[in-house]
Amino acid sequence: MRLFLLIALVCSVAGCSSGNNNAENKIIAQINKYRMTVDDIKYEFKNVPYDEIARLKTEDGKRQYLEGLIEKEVLLQEAQRQGIDREKEFMRSIESYWEQALLRILLERKSKEISSLMQVYDNEIEEYYKASSEDLPLSKVKNEIREIIKQKKETEMMGVWIDELKKKSYIKVDEEILKSLAPTN
C-alpha cells in the first residue's frame, strides 16, 4: 500500500500523463536529454539508507529526494561533458570497484556453497572442548564451539578451493622485475 501511494505521489509530482500504460516508464523528470522514469526512482528508493525512509513519507521529503537525484544527474552530465568518464584515473577507479564487487559476489557464493556442505561432529566438539581451558560445562558452550569449528573448516576449504584454482591456472612471475620494484609511497 505504501509503495502504491509513493508511486502515485511520484507520478503526480512529475505530472505523468495517463496516456502511458506502462507506469514503470512514466517520466518523472527530464534533465537535458536524460529522462528519469518511475522505474529509476523505484531503484533509487531500494537503496535509500534506513534513516532516510521516514523522510520519504512526506511530500516535502520526496521533493527534496527528487531534487537530490536531479542534482546528481546534472553533476554526472557535467562530468561526462568534461570527459572525466574517459580519463584513465576514472577508468581505474571503476575497474577497482568492479573487481571488488565481482570478488565479493564470488566469495559469498562459494562461502554459502561450502557452508551448506559443512558438517561438525560431536567428537570434534568434544576434542576442542578438552583441548581448551574452558571453565563452563560443555552443554553451555557446545554451540559456540560448533561455530568456531565450522568457521575454521570453512576457511580451510576456501583456501583449498583457491589453491586448486591457482594450480589450474598458468602463472608466471618474473623474479628479476619483482626484485626491482619498490613501493611508491
C-alpha atoms as a PDB file:
ATOM      1  CA  MET A   1       0.000   0.000   0.000  1.00  0.00           C
ATOM      2  CA  ARG A   2       2.784   2.435   0.889  1.00  0.00           C
ATOM      3  CA  LEU A   3       4.590   1.617  -2.368  1.00  0.00           C
ATOM      4  CA  PHE A   4       1.401   2.339  -4.343  1.00  0.00           C
ATOM      5  CA  LEU A   5       0.963   5.699  -2.611  1.00  0.00           C
ATOM      6  CA  LEU A   6       4.618   6.507  -3.162  1.00  0.00           C
ATOM      7  CA  ILE A   7       4.392   5.726  -6.876  1.00  0.00           C
ATOM      8  CA  ALA A   8       1.173   7.717  -7.177  1.00  0.00           C
ATOM      9  CA  LEU A   9       2.774  10.697  -5.453  1.00  0.00           C
ATOM     10  CA  VAL A  10       5.927  10.438  -7.539  1.00  0.00           C
ATOM     11  CA  CYS A  11       3.830  10.419 -10.701  1.00  0.00           C
ATOM     12  CA  SER A  12       1.729  13.381  -9.533  1.00  0.00           C
ATOM     13  CA  VAL A  13       4.842  15.403  -8.690  1.00  0.00           C
ATOM     14  CA  ALA A  14       6.140  14.841 -12.214  1.00  0.00           C
ATOM     15  CA  GLY A  15       2.794  15.306 -13.923  1.00  0.00           C
ATOM     16  CA  CYS A  16       2.854  11.897 -15.565  1.00  0.00           C
ATOM     17  CA  SER A  17       0.346  11.529 -18.358  1.00  0.00           C
ATOM     18  CA  SER A  18      -2.365   8.960 -18.001  1.00  0.00           C
ATOM     19  CA  GLY A  19      -1.949   8.064 -21.669  1.00  0.00           C
ATOM     20  CA  ASN A  20       1.150   5.947 -20.965  1.00  0.00           C
ATOM     21  CA  ASN A  21       0.004   2.475 -19.928  1.00  0.00           C
ATOM     22  CA  ASN A  22       3.403   1.375 -18.613  1.00  0.00           C
ATOM     23  CA  ALA A  23       3.727   3.015 -15.174  1.00  0.00           C
ATOM     24  CA  GLU A  24       7.370   1.980 -14.871  1.00  0.00           C
ATOM     25  CA  ASN A  25       8.348   4.015 -17.944  1.00  0.00           C
ATOM     26  CA  LYS A  26       6.471   7.185 -16.999  1.00  0.00           C
ATOM     27  CA  ILE A  27       8.831  10.121 -16.899  1.00  0.00           C
ATOM     28  CA  ILE A  28       9.052  11.868 -13.552  1.00  0.00           C
ATOM     29  CA  ALA A  29      11.754  14.339 -14.546  1.00  0.00           C
ATOM     30  CA  GLN A  30      13.824  15.254 -17.567  1.00  0.00           C
ATOM     31  CA  ILE A  31      17.338  16.572 -17.175  1.00  0.00           C
ATOM     32  CA  ASN A  32      18.605  17.672 -20.571  1.00  0.00           C
ATOM     33  CA  LYS A  33      18.224  14.558 -22.744  1.00  0.00           C
ATOM     34  CA  TYR A  34      18.012  12.142 -19.784  1.00  0.00           C
ATOM     35  CA  ARG A  35      14.512  11.056 -18.821  1.00  0.00           C
ATOM     36  CA  MET A  36      14.177   9.844 -15.229  1.00  0.00           C
ATOM     37  CA  THR A  37      11.401   7.243 -15.027  1.00  0.00           C
ATOM     38  CA  VAL A  38       9.339   5.810 -12.194  1.00  0.00           C
ATOM     39  CA  ASP A  39      11.454   2.661 -12.537  1.00  0.00           C
ATOM     40  CA  ASP A  40      14.605   4.756 -11.962  1.00  0.00           C
ATOM     41  CA  ILE A  41      13.081   6.268  -8.815  1.00  0.00           C
ATOM     42  CA  LYS A  42      11.976   2.848  -7.540  1.00  0.00           C
ATOM     43  CA  TYR A  43      15.547   1.609  -7.990  1.00  0.00           C
ATOM     44  CA  GLU A  44      16.882   4.592  -6.054  1.00  0.00           C
ATOM     45  CA  PHE A  45      14.323   4.037  -3.279  1.00  0.00           C
ATOM     46  CA  LYS A  46      15.618   0.479  -2.808  1.00  0.00           C
ATOM     47  CA  ASN A  47      19.000   1.945  -1.914  1.00  0.00           C
ATOM     48  CA  VAL A  48      17.780   4.640   0.476  1.00  0.00           C
ATOM     49  CA  PRO A  49      19.540   4.483   3.848  1.00  0.00           C
ATOM     50  CA  TYR A  50      17.270   3.308   6.643  1.00  0.00           C
ATOM     51  CA  ASP A  51      17.400   6.630   8.461  1.00  0.00           C
ATOM     52  CA  GLU A  52      16.047   8.468   5.375  1.00  0.00           C
ATOM     53  CA  ILE A  53      12.976   6.265   4.806  1.00  0.00           C
ATOM     54  CA  ALA A  54      10.820   8.304   7.188  1.00  0.00           C
ATOM     55  CA  ARG A  55      11.664  11.464   5.248  1.00  0.00           C
ATOM     56  CA  LEU A  56      10.277   9.892   2.057  1.00  0.00           C
ATOM     57  CA  LYS A  57       6.864   9.545   3.676  1.00  0.00           C
ATOM     58  CA  THR A  58       6.293  13.291   3.392  1.00  0.00           C
ATOM     59  CA  GLU A  59       5.632  15.234   0.201  1.00  0.00           C
ATOM     60  CA  ASP A  60       8.426  17.679   1.057  1.00  0.00           C
ATOM     61  CA  GLY A  61      10.815  14.798   1.753  1.00  0.00           C
ATOM     62  CA  LYS A  62      10.036  13.185  -1.593  1.00  0.00           C
ATOM     63  CA  ARG A  63      10.524  16.504  -3.363  1.00  0.00           C
ATOM     64  CA  GLN A  64      13.904  17.009  -1.626  1.00  0.00           C
ATOM     65  CA  TYR A  65      14.968  13.465  -2.504  1.00  0.00           C
ATOM     66  CA  LEU A  66      13.995  14.003  -6.144  1.00  0.00           C
ATOM     67  CA  GLU A  67      15.895  17.311  -6.151  1.00  0.00           C
ATOM     68  CA  GLY A  68      18.954  15.451  -4.861  1.00  0.00           C
ATOM     69  CA  LEU A  69      18.661  12.904  -7.690  1.00  0.00           C
ATOM     70  CA  ILE A  70      18.283  15.722 -10.225  1.00  0.00           C
ATOM     71  CA  GLU A  71      21.356  17.452  -8.809  1.00  0.00           C
ATOM     72  CA  LYS A  72      23.308  14.189  -9.027  1.00  0.00           C
ATOM     73  CA  GLU A  73      22.272  13.748 -12.669  1.00  0.00           C
ATOM     74  CA  VAL A  74      23.257  17.334 -13.542  1.00  0.00           C
ATOM     75  CA  LEU A  75      26.688  16.753 -11.998  1.00  0.00           C
ATOM     76  CA  LEU A  76      27.111  13.403 -13.774  1.00  0.00           C
ATOM     77  CA  GLN A  77      26.244  15.016 -17.103  1.00  0.00           C
ATOM     78  CA  GLU A  78      28.760  17.794 -16.447  1.00  0.00           C
ATOM     79  CA  ALA A  79      31.450  15.218 -15.610  1.00  0.00           C
ATOM     80  CA  GLN A  80      30.702  13.457 -18.881  1.00  0.00           C
ATOM     81  CA  ARG A  81      30.704  16.759 -20.790  1.00  0.00           C
ATOM     82  CA  GLN A  82      34.191  17.430 -19.384  1.00  0.00           C
ATOM     83  CA  GLY A  83      35.315  13.947 -20.463  1.00  0.00           C
ATOM     84  CA  ILE A  84      36.094  12.755 -16.943  1.00  0.00           C
ATOM     85  CA  ASP A  85      34.353   9.450 -17.720  1.00  0.00           C
ATOM     86  CA  ARG A  86      37.024   8.764 -20.351  1.00  0.00           C
ATOM     87  CA  GLU A  87      40.052   9.625 -18.208  1.00  0.00           C
ATOM     88  CA  LYS A  88      42.472   6.899 -17.197  1.00  0.00           C
ATOM     89  CA  GLU A  89      42.130   7.674 -13.452  1.00  0.00           C
ATOM     90  CA  PHE A  90      38.353   7.310 -13.638  1.00  0.00           C
ATOM     91  CA  MET A  91      38.604   4.065 -15.587  1.00  0.00           C
ATOM     92  CA  ARG A  92      41.000   2.655 -12.983  1.00  0.00           C
ATOM     93  CA  SER A  93      38.653   3.533 -10.125  1.00  0.00           C
ATOM     94  CA  ILE A  94      35.743   1.876 -11.957  1.00  0.00           C
ATOM     95  CA  GLU A  95      37.893  -1.164 -12.643  1.00  0.00           C
ATOM     96  CA  SER A  96      38.854  -1.362  -8.972  1.00  0.00           C
ATOM     97  CA  TYR A  97      35.217  -1.109  -7.847  1.00  0.00           C
ATOM     98  CA  TRP A  98      34.150  -3.683 -10.451  1.00  0.00           C
ATOM     99  CA  GLU A  99      36.860  -6.105  -9.297  1.00  0.00           C
ATOM    100  CA  GLN A 100      35.905  -5.701  -5.636  1.00  0.00           C
ATOM    101  CA  ALA A 101      32.210  -6.254  -6.352  1.00  0.00           C
ATOM    102  CA  LEU A 102      32.946  -9.279  -8.531  1.00  0.00           C
ATOM    103  CA  LEU A 103      35.222 -10.830  -5.900  1.00  0.00           C
ATOM    104  CA  ARG A 104      32.727 -10.169  -3.112  1.00  0.00           C
ATOM    105  CA  ILE A 105      29.917 -11.897  -5.006  1.00  0.00           C
ATOM    106  CA  LEU A 106      32.122 -14.859  -5.994  1.00  0.00           C
ATOM    107  CA  LEU A 107      33.403 -15.363  -2.439  1.00  0.00           C
ATOM    108  CA  GLU A 108      29.916 -15.002  -0.918  1.00  0.00           C
ATOM    109  CA  ARG A 109      28.557 -17.636  -3.296  1.00  0.00           C
ATOM    110  CA  LYS A 110      31.418 -20.037  -2.649  1.00  0.00           C
ATOM    111  CA  SER A 111      31.129 -19.445   1.087  1.00  0.00           C
ATOM    112  CA  LYS A 112      27.421 -20.321   1.003  1.00  0.00           C
ATOM    113  CA  GLU A 113      28.183 -23.422  -1.025  1.00  0.00           C
ATOM    114  CA  ILE A 114      30.907 -24.536   1.390  1.00  0.00           C
ATOM    115  CA  SER A 115      28.761 -23.715   4.412  1.00  0.00           C
ATOM    116  CA  SER A 116      25.899 -25.852   3.107  1.00  0.00           C
ATOM    117  CA  LEU A 117      28.250 -28.832   2.837  1.00  0.00           C
ATOM    118  CA  MET A 118      29.920 -28.310   6.203  1.00  0.00           C
ATOM    119  CA  GLN A 119      29.448 -30.871   8.970  1.00  0.00           C
ATOM    120  CA  VAL A 120      30.700 -30.543  12.539  1.00  0.00           C
ATOM    121  CA  TYR A 121      30.596 -33.766  14.503  1.00  0.00           C
ATOM    122  CA  ASP A 122      30.137 -34.194  18.257  1.00  0.00           C
ATOM    123  CA  ASN A 123      33.524 -35.854  18.651  1.00  0.00           C
ATOM    124  CA  GLU A 124      35.181 -32.751  17.105  1.00  0.00           C
ATOM    125  CA  ILE A 125      33.338 -30.543  19.580  1.00  0.00           C
ATOM    126  CA  GLU A 126      34.407 -32.746  22.484  1.00  0.00           C
ATOM    127  CA  GLU A 127      38.059 -32.753  21.333  1.00  0.00           C
ATOM    128  CA  TYR A 128      38.038 -28.974  21.014  1.00  0.00           C
ATOM    129  CA  TYR A 129      36.433 -28.617  24.445  1.00  0.00           C
ATOM    130  CA  LYS A 130      39.015 -30.917  26.079  1.00  0.00           C
ATOM    131  CA  ALA A 131      41.904 -29.040  24.431  1.00  0.00           C
ATOM    132  CA  SER A 132      40.548 -25.703  25.619  1.00  0.00           C
ATOM    133  CA  SER A 133      40.754 -24.429  29.148  1.00  0.00           C
ATOM    134  CA  GLU A 134      37.040 -23.694  29.245  1.00  0.00           C
ATOM    135  CA  ASP A 135      35.521 -23.474  32.746  1.00  0.00           C
ATOM    136  CA  LEU A 136      31.885 -23.671  31.678  1.00  0.00           C
ATOM    137  CA  PRO A 137      30.229 -27.064  31.121  1.00  0.00           C
ATOM    138  CA  LEU A 138      30.250 -28.404  27.561  1.00  0.00           C
ATOM    139  CA  SER A 139      26.470 -28.099  27.317  1.00  0.00           C
ATOM    140  CA  LYS A 140      26.772 -24.303  27.782  1.00  0.00           C
ATOM    141  CA  VAL A 141      29.455 -23.751  25.125  1.00  0.00           C
ATOM    142  CA  LYS A 142      28.663 -26.515  22.638  1.00  0.00           C
ATOM    143  CA  ASN A 143      27.003 -24.235  20.063  1.00  0.00           C
ATOM    144  CA  GLU A 144      29.804 -21.674  20.264  1.00  0.00           C
ATOM    145  CA  ILE A 145      32.410 -24.398  19.783  1.00  0.00           C
ATOM    146  CA  ARG A 146      30.416 -25.799  16.843  1.00  0.00           C
ATOM    147  CA  GLU A 147      30.506 -22.356  15.180  1.00  0.00           C
ATOM    148  CA  ILE A 148      34.241 -21.951  15.839  1.00  0.00           C
ATOM    149  CA  ILE A 149      34.985 -25.330  14.282  1.00  0.00           C
ATOM    150  CA  LYS A 150      32.634 -24.647  11.372  1.00  0.00           C
ATOM    151  CA  GLN A 151      34.314 -21.286  10.667  1.00  0.00           C
ATOM    152  CA  LYS A 152      37.759 -22.893  10.787  1.00  0.00           C
ATOM    153  CA  LYS A 153      36.711 -25.665   8.390  1.00  0.00           C
ATOM    154  CA  GLU A 154      35.091 -23.169   6.009  1.00  0.00           C
ATOM    155  CA  THR A 155      38.240 -21.047   5.969  1.00  0.00           C
ATOM    156  CA  GLU A 156      40.375 -24.120   5.273  1.00  0.00           C
ATOM    157  CA  MET A 157      38.042 -25.280   2.492  1.00  0.00           C
ATOM    158  CA  MET A 158      38.065 -21.810   0.940  1.00  0.00           C
ATOM    159  CA  GLY A 159      41.879 -21.873   0.965  1.00  0.00           C
ATOM    160  CA  VAL A 160      41.908 -25.318  -0.658  1.00  0.00           C
ATOM    161  CA  TRP A 161      39.497 -24.112  -3.348  1.00  0.00           C
ATOM    162  CA  ILE A 162      41.662 -21.055  -4.097  1.00  0.00           C
ATOM    163  CA  ASP A 163      44.802 -23.236  -4.220  1.00  0.00           C
ATOM    164  CA  GLU A 164      43.070 -25.570  -6.698  1.00  0.00           C
ATOM    165  CA  LEU A 165      42.140 -22.619  -8.886  1.00  0.00           C
ATOM    166  CA  LYS A 166      45.745 -21.408  -8.831  1.00  0.00           C
ATOM    167  CA  LYS A 167      47.028 -24.886  -9.740  1.00  0.00           C
ATOM    168  CA  LYS A 168      44.703 -24.948 -12.756  1.00  0.00           C
ATOM    169  CA  SER A 169      45.953 -21.538 -13.903  1.00  0.00           C
ATOM    170  CA  TYR A 170      49.055 -20.625 -15.866  1.00  0.00           C
ATOM    171  CA  ILE A 171      51.022 -18.309 -13.598  1.00  0.00           C
ATOM    172  CA  LYS A 172      54.478 -16.963 -14.444  1.00  0.00           C
ATOM    173  CA  VAL A 173      56.319 -14.426 -12.282  1.00  0.00           C
ATOM    174  CA  ASP A 174      59.419 -12.563 -13.474  1.00  0.00           C
ATOM    175  CA  GLU A 175      61.510 -12.619 -10.298  1.00  0.00           C
ATOM    176  CA  GLU A 176      64.013 -10.054 -11.578  1.00  0.00           C
ATOM    177  CA  ILE A 177      61.308  -7.472 -12.174  1.00  0.00           C
ATOM    178  CA  LEU A 178      59.730  -8.313  -8.815  1.00  0.00           C
ATOM    179  CA  LYS A 179      63.050  -7.686  -7.050  1.00  0.00           C
ATOM    180  CA  SER A 180      63.469  -4.329  -8.789  1.00  0.00           C
ATOM    181  CA  LEU A 181      60.106  -2.986  -7.707  1.00  0.00           C
ATOM    182  CA  ALA A 182      59.879  -0.618  -4.791  1.00  0.00           C
ATOM    183  CA  PRO A 183      56.847   0.950  -3.088  1.00  0.00           C
ATOM    184  CA  THR A 184      55.979   4.395  -4.436  1.00  0.00           C
ATOM    185  CA  ASN A 185      54.572   5.965  -1.258  1.00  0.00           C
END
